[in-house]
């Protein structure tokens, strides 16, 4: 009698496991194509890096100053053409573009600098004005090459 009860418990547990594993189908990959064509640049920001002295306050109470850096964005305006996949960034007159960085705002999955174009987020020499080429790759696989130019007004 005890053996029958033991076998019933094993069969019940096995049935439950078979049900659970059969109910859990293999995982389906995320369909990135559902997002459509998003290979667009929405803006390009230009920044400089400033070095400043800051007082350590959080952990130190000795009043020591330490040097830190801060990213400061420059007021710019942009002309964007989605048809020609180009953007012209106008920076104020007197702006030295020999040691600035850029941030590219985009709606795509990935952005790649082409042909020696400056890498976004790092300081670069943009005094040549461009045009610089960036490959924008959308989640659905759309690829669009954008040109970015800088003009000092």
N, C-alpha and C. Protein backbone atom coordinates (compact mmCIF):
# COMPACT_ATOMS: atom_id res chain seq x y z
N UNK A 1 0.82 -1.17 0.00
CA UNK A 1 0.00 0.00 0.00
C UNK A 1 0.88 1.26 0.00
N UNK A 2 1.90 1.24 0.85
CA UNK A 2 2.80 2.39 0.90
C UNK A 2 3.53 2.56 -0.43
N UNK A 3 3.85 1.44 -1.06
CA UNK A 3 4.56 1.50 -2.35
C UNK A 3 3.66 2.12 -3.40
N UNK A 4 2.39 1.79 -3.44
CA UNK A 4 1.45 2.36 -4.40
C UNK A 4 1.31 3.86 -4.20
N UNK A 5 1.25 4.27 -2.94
CA UNK A 5 1.12 5.69 -2.63
C UNK A 5 2.38 6.44 -3.09
N UNK A 6 3.55 5.81 -2.87
CA UNK A 6 4.82 6.39 -3.30
C UNK A 6 4.85 6.53 -4.82
N UNK A 7 4.42 5.49 -5.56
CA UNK A 7 4.40 5.54 -7.02
C UNK A 7 3.42 6.60 -7.53
N UNK A 8 2.30 6.77 -6.87
CA UNK A 8 1.32 7.79 -7.26
C UNK A 8 1.92 9.18 -7.11
N UNK A 9 2.68 9.38 -6.04
CA UNK A 9 3.32 10.68 -5.83
C UNK A 9 4.36 10.94 -6.91
N UNK A 10 5.13 9.93 -7.25
CA UNK A 10 6.16 10.08 -8.29
C UNK A 10 5.49 10.37 -9.63
N UNK A 11 4.42 9.66 -9.94
CA UNK A 11 3.72 9.86 -11.21
C UNK A 11 3.11 11.26 -11.24
N UNK A 12 2.57 11.73 -10.15
CA UNK A 12 2.00 13.07 -10.08
C UNK A 12 3.08 14.12 -10.31
N UNK A 13 4.21 13.98 -9.66
CA UNK A 13 5.31 14.94 -9.82
C UNK A 13 5.83 14.89 -11.26
N UNK A 14 5.99 13.70 -11.80
CA UNK A 14 6.48 13.56 -13.18
C UNK A 14 5.49 14.19 -14.17
N UNK A 15 4.21 13.97 -13.95
CA UNK A 15 3.19 14.56 -14.82
C UNK A 15 3.24 16.08 -14.77
N UNK A 16 3.41 16.60 -13.57
CA UNK A 16 3.51 18.05 -13.40
C UNK A 16 4.74 18.60 -14.13
N UNK A 17 5.88 17.92 -14.01
CA UNK A 17 7.10 18.37 -14.70
C UNK A 17 6.92 18.32 -16.22
N UNK A 18 6.32 17.25 -16.73
CA UNK A 18 6.09 17.14 -18.17
C UNK A 18 5.18 18.27 -18.64
N UNK A 19 4.14 18.55 -17.86
CA UNK A 19 3.23 19.65 -18.22
C UNK A 19 3.97 20.98 -18.24
N UNK A 20 4.77 21.25 -17.21
CA UNK A 20 5.49 22.52 -17.14
C UNK A 20 6.48 22.68 -18.29
N UNK A 21 7.23 21.62 -18.59
CA UNK A 21 8.21 21.72 -19.66
C UNK A 21 7.56 21.79 -21.04
N UNK A 22 6.42 21.15 -21.21
CA UNK A 22 5.75 21.23 -22.51
C UNK A 22 5.05 22.58 -22.68
N UNK A 23 4.69 23.22 -21.56
CA UNK A 23 4.04 24.54 -21.63
C UNK A 23 5.05 25.64 -21.93
N UNK A 24 6.30 25.40 -21.59
CA UNK A 24 7.35 26.40 -21.82
C UNK A 24 8.01 26.13 -23.16
N UNK A 25 7.55 26.83 -24.17
CA UNK A 25 8.11 26.65 -25.50
C UNK A 25 9.47 27.32 -25.57
N UNK A 26 10.25 27.01 -26.58
CA UNK A 26 11.56 27.66 -26.72
C UNK A 26 11.40 29.18 -26.81
N UNK A 27 12.40 29.88 -26.33
CA UNK A 27 12.36 31.35 -26.36
C UNK A 27 12.39 31.85 -27.79
N UNK A 28 11.68 32.91 -28.01
CA UNK A 28 11.65 33.55 -29.33
C UNK A 28 12.49 34.81 -29.24
N UNK A 29 13.36 35.02 -30.21
CA UNK A 29 14.22 36.20 -30.20
C UNK A 29 13.39 37.47 -30.37
N UNK A 30 13.90 38.55 -29.84
CA UNK A 30 13.26 39.85 -29.95
C UNK A 30 13.24 40.29 -31.41
N UNK A 31 12.10 40.67 -31.92
CA UNK A 31 11.96 41.10 -33.31
C UNK A 31 12.30 42.58 -33.41
N UNK A 32 13.56 42.88 -33.72
CA UNK A 32 13.99 44.26 -33.81
C UNK A 32 13.40 44.96 -35.03
N UNK A 33 12.98 44.20 -36.02
CA UNK A 33 12.43 44.79 -37.23
C UNK A 33 11.11 45.50 -37.01
N UNK A 34 10.46 45.23 -35.91
CA UNK A 34 9.17 45.87 -35.66
C UNK A 34 9.30 47.37 -35.45
N UNK A 35 10.47 47.85 -35.15
CA UNK A 35 10.64 49.28 -34.88
C UNK A 35 10.74 50.10 -36.15
N UNK A 36 10.93 49.47 -37.29
CA UNK A 36 10.96 50.20 -38.55
C UNK A 36 12.26 50.93 -38.78
N UNK A 37 12.24 51.80 -39.78
CA UNK A 37 13.41 52.56 -40.18
C UNK A 37 13.61 53.73 -39.21
N UNK A 38 14.67 53.64 -38.41
CA UNK A 38 15.02 54.71 -37.47
C UNK A 38 16.47 55.14 -37.65
N UNK A 39 16.99 55.05 -38.84
CA UNK A 39 18.38 55.41 -39.09
C UNK A 39 18.50 56.91 -39.35
N UNK A 40 18.18 57.69 -38.33
CA UNK A 40 18.18 59.15 -38.46
C UNK A 40 18.98 59.80 -37.34
N UNK A 41 19.64 60.90 -37.70
CA UNK A 41 20.29 61.75 -36.71
C UNK A 41 19.31 62.85 -36.36
N UNK A 42 19.10 63.08 -35.07
CA UNK A 42 18.17 64.12 -34.64
C UNK A 42 18.88 65.41 -34.24
N UNK A 43 20.16 65.34 -33.88
CA UNK A 43 20.91 66.55 -33.53
C UNK A 43 22.37 66.18 -33.31
N UNK A 44 23.24 67.16 -33.44
CA UNK A 44 24.65 67.01 -33.12
C UNK A 44 25.01 68.13 -32.15
N UNK A 45 25.54 67.76 -31.00
CA UNK A 45 25.94 68.73 -29.98
C UNK A 45 27.46 68.84 -29.96
N UNK A 46 27.94 70.03 -29.72
CA UNK A 46 29.38 70.29 -29.65
C UNK A 46 29.72 70.69 -28.23
N UNK A 47 30.81 70.13 -27.69
CA UNK A 47 31.21 70.47 -26.33
C UNK A 47 32.71 70.72 -26.23
N UNK A 48 33.07 71.47 -25.20
CA UNK A 48 34.48 71.66 -24.84
C UNK A 48 34.65 71.06 -23.45
N UNK A 49 35.89 70.82 -23.09
CA UNK A 49 36.18 70.28 -21.76
C UNK A 49 36.93 71.36 -20.99
N UNK A 50 36.42 71.68 -19.82
CA UNK A 50 37.04 72.68 -18.97
C UNK A 50 37.63 72.01 -17.75
N UNK A 51 38.80 72.50 -17.35
CA UNK A 51 39.43 72.00 -16.14
C UNK A 51 39.12 72.97 -15.02
N UNK A 52 38.68 72.44 -13.90
CA UNK A 52 38.30 73.28 -12.77
C UNK A 52 38.84 72.69 -11.48
N UNK A 53 39.05 73.56 -10.50
CA UNK A 53 39.42 73.10 -9.17
C UNK A 53 38.16 72.94 -8.35
N UNK A 54 38.05 71.81 -7.70
CA UNK A 54 36.90 71.53 -6.85
C UNK A 54 37.40 71.18 -5.45
N UNK A 55 36.63 71.53 -4.47
CA UNK A 55 36.97 71.16 -3.11
C UNK A 55 36.34 69.80 -2.82
N UNK A 56 37.17 68.90 -2.30
CA UNK A 56 36.66 67.60 -1.94
C UNK A 56 35.81 67.75 -0.69
N UNK A 57 34.55 67.42 -0.79
CA UNK A 57 33.66 67.64 0.34
C UNK A 57 33.09 66.34 0.89
N UNK A 58 32.88 65.40 0.07
CA UNK A 58 32.13 64.23 0.48
C UNK A 58 32.86 63.40 1.53
N UNK A 59 34.14 63.12 1.32
CA UNK A 59 34.87 62.25 2.23
C UNK A 59 36.01 62.94 2.96
N UNK A 60 36.41 64.10 2.49
CA UNK A 60 37.57 64.75 3.07
C UNK A 60 37.16 66.09 3.67
N UNK A 61 37.71 66.40 4.80
CA UNK A 61 37.37 67.66 5.46
C UNK A 61 38.58 68.56 5.62
N UNK A 62 39.65 68.30 4.88
CA UNK A 62 40.86 69.09 5.03
C UNK A 62 40.90 70.31 4.11
N UNK A 63 39.86 70.54 3.31
CA UNK A 63 39.81 71.72 2.46
C UNK A 63 40.68 71.63 1.23
N UNK A 64 41.23 70.47 0.92
CA UNK A 64 42.10 70.31 -0.24
C UNK A 64 41.32 70.54 -1.53
N UNK A 65 41.98 71.12 -2.52
CA UNK A 65 41.38 71.28 -3.83
C UNK A 65 41.93 70.19 -4.74
N UNK A 66 41.08 69.70 -5.60
CA UNK A 66 41.49 68.71 -6.58
C UNK A 66 41.03 69.19 -7.96
N UNK A 67 41.78 68.83 -8.96
CA UNK A 67 41.43 69.25 -10.31
C UNK A 67 40.45 68.25 -10.91
N UNK A 68 39.42 68.77 -11.56
CA UNK A 68 38.45 67.93 -12.24
C UNK A 68 38.15 68.52 -13.60
N UNK A 69 37.48 67.76 -14.42
CA UNK A 69 37.09 68.26 -15.73
C UNK A 69 35.58 68.23 -15.85
N UNK A 70 35.08 69.11 -16.69
CA UNK A 70 33.64 69.22 -16.88
C UNK A 70 33.38 69.45 -18.37
N UNK A 71 32.35 68.81 -18.87
CA UNK A 71 31.97 68.98 -20.28
C UNK A 71 30.96 70.12 -20.35
N UNK A 72 31.26 71.11 -21.18
CA UNK A 72 30.37 72.26 -21.34
C UNK A 72 29.93 72.31 -22.80
N UNK A 73 28.60 72.27 -23.02
CA UNK A 73 28.07 72.29 -24.38
C UNK A 73 28.02 73.72 -24.91
N UNK A 74 28.30 73.85 -26.20
CA UNK A 74 28.28 75.13 -26.89
C UNK A 74 26.91 75.29 -27.52
N UNK A 75 26.35 76.50 -27.47
CA UNK A 75 25.05 76.75 -28.11
C UNK A 75 25.23 76.70 -29.63
N UNK A 76 24.55 75.76 -30.24
CA UNK A 76 24.63 75.59 -31.70
C UNK A 76 23.22 75.52 -32.27
N UNK A 77 23.14 75.63 -33.57
CA UNK A 77 21.88 75.37 -34.27
C UNK A 77 22.19 74.43 -35.42
N UNK A 78 21.21 73.63 -35.81
CA UNK A 78 21.45 72.61 -36.83
C UNK A 78 20.42 72.68 -37.93
N UNK A 79 20.88 72.42 -39.14
CA UNK A 79 20.00 72.25 -40.30
C UNK A 79 20.05 70.78 -40.67
N UNK A 80 18.91 70.10 -40.54
CA UNK A 80 18.86 68.66 -40.78
C UNK A 80 18.04 68.39 -42.05
N UNK A 81 18.59 67.56 -42.93
CA UNK A 81 17.88 67.12 -44.12
C UNK A 81 17.82 65.60 -44.11
N UNK A 82 16.64 65.06 -43.81
CA UNK A 82 16.49 63.61 -43.79
C UNK A 82 16.55 63.04 -45.20
N UNK A 83 16.11 63.83 -46.20
CA UNK A 83 16.11 63.36 -47.59
C UNK A 83 17.53 63.10 -48.09
N UNK A 84 18.45 64.03 -47.78
CA UNK A 84 19.83 63.87 -48.24
C UNK A 84 20.72 63.28 -47.15
N UNK A 85 20.16 62.95 -46.00
CA UNK A 85 20.90 62.38 -44.86
C UNK A 85 22.12 63.24 -44.54
N UNK A 86 21.84 64.53 -44.29
CA UNK A 86 22.93 65.43 -43.96
C UNK A 86 22.50 66.39 -42.85
N UNK A 87 23.48 66.88 -42.12
CA UNK A 87 23.23 67.85 -41.07
C UNK A 87 24.37 68.86 -41.07
N UNK A 88 23.99 70.13 -41.01
CA UNK A 88 24.98 71.21 -40.90
C UNK A 88 24.81 71.85 -39.53
N UNK A 89 25.89 71.87 -38.77
CA UNK A 89 25.86 72.41 -37.41
C UNK A 89 26.51 73.80 -37.45
N UNK A 90 25.76 74.80 -37.03
CA UNK A 90 26.27 76.17 -36.98
C UNK A 90 26.73 76.48 -35.56
N UNK A 91 28.01 76.83 -35.43
CA UNK A 91 28.57 77.18 -34.12
C UNK A 91 28.83 78.68 -34.09
N UNK A 92 28.78 79.30 -32.91
CA UNK A 92 28.97 80.75 -32.83
C UNK A 92 30.36 81.18 -33.29
N UNK A 93 30.44 82.40 -33.83
CA UNK A 93 31.74 82.92 -34.28
C UNK A 93 32.68 83.02 -33.09
N UNK A 94 33.93 82.80 -33.37
CA UNK A 94 34.95 82.83 -32.33
C UNK A 94 35.16 81.50 -31.65
N UNK A 95 34.37 80.49 -31.99
CA UNK A 95 34.52 79.17 -31.39
C UNK A 95 35.71 78.46 -32.02
N UNK A 96 36.63 78.00 -31.18
CA UNK A 96 37.79 77.25 -31.65
C UNK A 96 37.41 75.77 -31.75
N UNK A 97 37.35 75.28 -32.97
CA UNK A 97 36.96 73.88 -33.18
C UNK A 97 38.14 72.92 -33.21
N UNK A 98 39.32 73.38 -32.79
CA UNK A 98 40.50 72.52 -32.87
C UNK A 98 40.58 71.50 -31.74
N UNK A 99 39.78 71.67 -30.67
CA UNK A 99 39.82 70.73 -29.56
C UNK A 99 38.44 70.63 -28.92
N UNK A 100 37.49 70.10 -29.67
CA UNK A 100 36.11 69.97 -29.19
C UNK A 100 35.65 68.52 -29.39
N UNK A 101 34.57 68.19 -28.74
CA UNK A 101 33.96 66.88 -28.91
C UNK A 101 32.55 67.04 -29.41
N UNK A 102 31.99 65.94 -29.89
CA UNK A 102 30.61 65.98 -30.36
C UNK A 102 29.82 64.84 -29.71
N UNK A 103 28.53 65.09 -29.60
CA UNK A 103 27.58 64.07 -29.19
C UNK A 103 26.54 64.01 -30.30
N UNK A 104 26.33 62.82 -30.84
CA UNK A 104 25.35 62.67 -31.91
C UNK A 104 24.10 62.03 -31.31
N UNK A 105 23.01 62.76 -31.39
CA UNK A 105 21.73 62.21 -30.96
C UNK A 105 21.09 61.53 -32.17
N UNK A 106 20.66 60.30 -31.95
CA UNK A 106 20.09 59.53 -33.05
C UNK A 106 19.03 58.59 -32.52
N UNK A 107 18.24 58.02 -33.43
CA UNK A 107 17.17 57.11 -33.05
C UNK A 107 17.48 55.68 -33.47
N UNK A 108 18.69 55.42 -33.87
CA UNK A 108 19.05 54.12 -34.43
C UNK A 108 19.63 53.18 -33.37
N UNK A 109 19.98 52.01 -33.83
CA UNK A 109 20.57 50.99 -32.96
C UNK A 109 22.07 51.23 -32.80
N UNK A 110 22.72 51.68 -33.87
CA UNK A 110 24.18 51.81 -33.83
C UNK A 110 24.63 52.93 -34.75
N UNK A 111 25.75 53.54 -34.37
CA UNK A 111 26.35 54.58 -35.21
C UNK A 111 27.84 54.28 -35.35
N UNK A 112 28.35 54.40 -36.57
CA UNK A 112 29.75 54.09 -36.85
C UNK A 112 30.40 55.24 -37.61
N UNK A 113 31.50 55.81 -37.10
CA UNK A 113 32.23 56.81 -37.88
C UNK A 113 32.93 56.15 -39.08
N UNK A 114 32.85 56.77 -40.25
CA UNK A 114 33.48 56.23 -41.46
C UNK A 114 34.59 57.16 -41.94
N UNK A 115 35.53 56.60 -42.64
CA UNK A 115 36.61 57.35 -43.33
C UNK A 115 37.34 58.32 -42.41
N UNK A 116 37.65 57.89 -41.20
CA UNK A 116 38.42 58.74 -40.29
C UNK A 116 37.62 59.85 -39.64
N UNK A 117 36.30 59.76 -39.67
CA UNK A 117 35.47 60.78 -39.02
C UNK A 117 35.69 60.73 -37.52
N UNK A 118 35.56 61.89 -36.86
CA UNK A 118 35.81 61.93 -35.41
C UNK A 118 34.83 61.03 -34.64
N UNK A 119 35.35 60.38 -33.63
CA UNK A 119 34.54 59.51 -32.79
C UNK A 119 33.76 60.38 -31.80
N UNK A 120 32.44 60.23 -31.76
CA UNK A 120 31.65 61.02 -30.81
C UNK A 120 32.05 60.73 -29.36
N UNK A 121 32.04 61.79 -28.55
CA UNK A 121 32.36 61.65 -27.13
C UNK A 121 33.81 61.94 -26.80
N UNK A 122 34.69 62.02 -27.80
CA UNK A 122 36.10 62.29 -27.60
C UNK A 122 36.46 63.64 -28.18
N UNK A 123 37.52 64.25 -27.64
CA UNK A 123 37.99 65.53 -28.18
C UNK A 123 38.65 65.29 -29.53
N UNK A 124 38.32 66.15 -30.49
CA UNK A 124 38.81 66.03 -31.86
C UNK A 124 39.11 67.41 -32.42
N UNK A 125 39.77 67.42 -33.57
CA UNK A 125 40.01 68.66 -34.30
C UNK A 125 38.97 68.74 -35.42
N UNK A 126 37.97 69.60 -35.24
CA UNK A 126 36.92 69.76 -36.24
C UNK A 126 37.08 71.06 -37.01
N UNK A 127 38.26 71.67 -36.93
CA UNK A 127 38.45 72.97 -37.57
C UNK A 127 38.34 72.88 -39.09
N UNK A 128 38.48 71.69 -39.66
CA UNK A 128 38.31 71.53 -41.10
C UNK A 128 36.86 71.65 -41.53
N UNK A 129 35.95 71.53 -40.61
CA UNK A 129 34.53 71.71 -40.91
C UNK A 129 33.81 70.50 -41.47
N UNK A 130 34.55 69.54 -41.99
CA UNK A 130 33.91 68.34 -42.54
C UNK A 130 33.76 68.44 -44.04
N UNK A 131 32.92 67.72 -44.65
CA UNK A 131 31.90 66.87 -44.03
C UNK A 131 32.51 65.56 -43.52
N UNK A 132 31.91 65.08 -42.43
CA UNK A 132 32.29 63.81 -41.82
C UNK A 132 31.13 62.84 -42.07
N UNK A 133 31.46 61.58 -42.24
CA UNK A 133 30.45 60.59 -42.59
C UNK A 133 30.26 59.60 -41.44
N UNK A 134 28.99 59.33 -41.13
CA UNK A 134 28.63 58.38 -40.08
C UNK A 134 27.59 57.42 -40.64
N UNK A 135 27.82 56.14 -40.39
CA UNK A 135 26.85 55.13 -40.81
C UNK A 135 25.89 54.90 -39.64
N UNK A 136 24.61 55.09 -39.93
CA UNK A 136 23.56 54.90 -38.94
C UNK A 136 22.83 53.61 -39.29
N UNK A 137 22.75 52.68 -38.33
CA UNK A 137 22.13 51.38 -38.56
C UNK A 137 20.89 51.29 -37.67
N UNK A 138 19.75 51.11 -38.31
CA UNK A 138 18.48 51.00 -37.60
C UNK A 138 18.27 49.58 -37.10
N UNK A 139 17.39 49.41 -36.13
CA UNK A 139 17.12 48.09 -35.57
C UNK A 139 16.54 47.13 -36.60
N UNK A 140 15.86 47.66 -37.62
CA UNK A 140 15.27 46.78 -38.64
C UNK A 140 16.27 46.44 -39.75
N UNK A 141 17.51 46.91 -39.62
CA UNK A 141 18.54 46.60 -40.61
C UNK A 141 18.77 47.69 -41.64
N UNK A 142 17.99 48.76 -41.61
CA UNK A 142 18.19 49.87 -42.54
C UNK A 142 19.52 50.54 -42.23
N UNK A 143 20.30 50.80 -43.29
CA UNK A 143 21.60 51.45 -43.15
C UNK A 143 21.56 52.74 -43.94
N UNK A 144 21.98 53.83 -43.30
CA UNK A 144 21.99 55.13 -43.97
C UNK A 144 23.28 55.84 -43.59
N UNK A 145 24.01 56.36 -44.57
CA UNK A 145 25.23 57.12 -44.32
C UNK A 145 24.90 58.60 -44.28
N UNK A 146 25.18 59.23 -43.14
CA UNK A 146 24.90 60.65 -42.92
C UNK A 146 26.19 61.44 -43.03
N UNK A 147 26.07 62.66 -43.56
CA UNK A 147 27.21 63.57 -43.57
C UNK A 147 26.93 64.70 -42.57
N UNK A 148 27.97 65.03 -41.79
CA UNK A 148 27.87 66.07 -40.77
C UNK A 148 28.93 67.12 -41.08
N UNK A 149 28.50 68.37 -41.18
CA UNK A 149 29.41 69.50 -41.46
C UNK A 149 29.27 70.53 -40.35
N UNK A 150 30.36 71.26 -40.10
CA UNK A 150 30.38 72.31 -39.09
C UNK A 150 30.73 73.63 -39.74
N UNK A 151 29.95 74.66 -39.43
CA UNK A 151 30.15 76.00 -39.97
C UNK A 151 30.23 76.96 -38.82
N UNK A 152 31.28 77.78 -38.78
CA UNK A 152 31.41 78.83 -37.77
C UNK A 152 30.76 80.08 -38.33
N UNK A 153 29.71 80.57 -37.69
CA UNK A 153 28.99 81.76 -38.16
C UNK A 153 29.67 83.04 -37.70
